[in-house]
Every structure is written in structure tokens, then in C-alpha cells.
Amino acid sequence: MLRSIEGIYREGKVELLEPAPSDAEARVIVTFLSSETVDLAERGIDEEHAADLRRRLGAFAEDWDRPQQLIEPEDGQ
């Protein structure tokens, strides 16, 4: 099962912004994000279009985060 948790990399350590899903040892994948902001206007997206995208993607995010999406494989990995 994959679960994304936002964090901050600082002084050689990753600080999670919310509790880890388990106290047990687990493998992780760390992805470093660019700290620069995205200029929506530069990409042809105005405020109305951005609001529409947030509204439509919000429904997707709610569906993605449903407990039913967290079904573990039968082998426990």
C-alpha cells in the first residue's frame, strides 16, 4: 500500500507534517519537490479556470482518500 505524507527536508532529515501510518519499520520513497511556485497565468490558466480545476479535483481527492481505497493486498505487503 502506498500512502503519501507531506514533509520538509531540513538538515539531512525528513520531518513529516502528520503522523506516520504505523510505528513499525517501513520502506519509504522520498520525492523532492521544487520549491518554486507555479505561475498559472504563464500556463494559460486564469483564476476562474483554477477554481474550476480545484473544484473538480477535490471530488477526485475525496474519492481517493476513502477508506475503501486502503485495501491491503492479501500477502500483507
Protein backbone atom coordinates (compact mmCIF):
# COMPACT_ATOMS: atom_id res chain seq x y z
CA MET A 1 0.00 0.00 0.00
CA LEU A 2 1.30 3.47 -0.83
CA ARG A 3 0.39 6.50 1.24
CA SER A 4 1.76 9.98 0.65
CA ILE A 5 2.55 12.24 3.59
CA GLU A 6 3.94 15.72 3.10
CA GLY A 7 7.08 16.67 4.95
CA ILE A 8 10.03 19.03 4.99
CA TYR A 9 13.65 18.05 4.36
CA ARG A 10 15.89 20.03 6.69
CA GLU A 11 19.46 19.46 7.87
CA GLY A 12 19.64 15.94 6.47
CA LYS A 13 16.35 14.75 7.96
CA VAL A 14 12.75 14.49 6.76
CA GLU A 15 10.18 15.94 9.19
CA LEU A 16 6.69 14.58 8.48
CA LEU A 17 3.81 17.07 8.71
CA GLU A 18 1.43 14.40 10.05
CA PRO A 19 1.87 11.11 11.91
CA ALA A 20 3.21 8.12 10.01
CA PRO A 21 0.58 5.40 9.41
CA SER A 22 2.47 2.92 11.58
CA ASP A 23 5.15 2.83 14.27
CA ALA A 24 6.59 -0.27 12.62
CA GLU A 25 9.63 -0.10 10.38
CA ALA A 26 8.66 0.54 6.76
CA ARG A 27 10.28 1.19 3.40
CA VAL A 28 9.65 4.67 2.03
CA ILE A 29 10.05 6.57 -1.22
CA VAL A 30 11.15 10.19 -0.79
CA THR A 31 10.40 12.61 -3.64
CA PHE A 32 11.95 16.09 -3.58
CA LEU A 33 9.65 18.81 -4.92
CA SER A 34 10.80 22.04 -6.48
CA SER A 35 10.31 24.96 -4.10
CA GLU A 36 9.40 27.36 -6.89
CA THR A 37 5.77 28.34 -7.32
CA VAL A 38 3.83 27.64 -10.49
CA ASP A 39 2.73 30.67 -12.49
CA LEU A 40 -0.75 29.62 -13.64
CA ALA A 41 -1.16 32.64 -15.93
CA GLU A 42 2.05 31.62 -17.70
CA ARG A 43 0.36 28.29 -18.39
CA GLY A 44 -2.83 29.92 -19.69
CA ILE A 45 -4.90 29.24 -16.55
CA ASP A 46 -6.90 32.17 -15.18
CA GLU A 47 -8.48 32.37 -11.69
CA GLU A 48 -11.86 31.06 -12.88
CA HIS A 49 -10.26 28.04 -14.58
CA ALA A 50 -8.08 27.38 -11.50
CA ALA A 51 -11.17 27.45 -9.24
CA ASP A 52 -12.95 25.02 -11.58
CA LEU A 53 -9.96 22.66 -11.53
CA ARG A 54 -9.77 22.77 -7.72
CA ARG A 55 -13.50 22.00 -7.50
CA ARG A 56 -13.31 19.05 -9.91
CA LEU A 57 -10.08 17.63 -8.48
CA GLY A 58 -11.44 17.99 -4.94
CA ALA A 59 -14.04 15.32 -5.70
CA PHE A 60 -11.28 13.06 -7.03
CA ALA A 61 -9.17 13.62 -3.89
CA GLU A 62 -12.15 12.79 -1.65
CA ASP A 63 -12.72 9.56 -3.56
CA TRP A 64 -9.01 8.69 -3.48
CA ASP A 65 -8.85 9.17 0.31
CA ARG A 66 -11.88 6.95 1.08
CA PRO A 67 -11.10 4.07 3.47
CA GLN A 68 -12.13 1.60 0.74
CA GLN A 69 -9.08 2.74 -1.24
CA LEU A 70 -6.79 1.47 1.55
CA ILE A 71 -7.43 -2.23 0.99
CA GLU A 72 -4.24 -4.16 1.64
CA PRO A 73 -3.05 -6.97 -0.65
CA GLU A 74 -3.69 -10.49 0.64
CA ASP A 75 0.02 -11.17 1.18
CA GLY A 76 0.20 -8.23 3.62
CA GLN A 77 2.68 -6.14 1.62
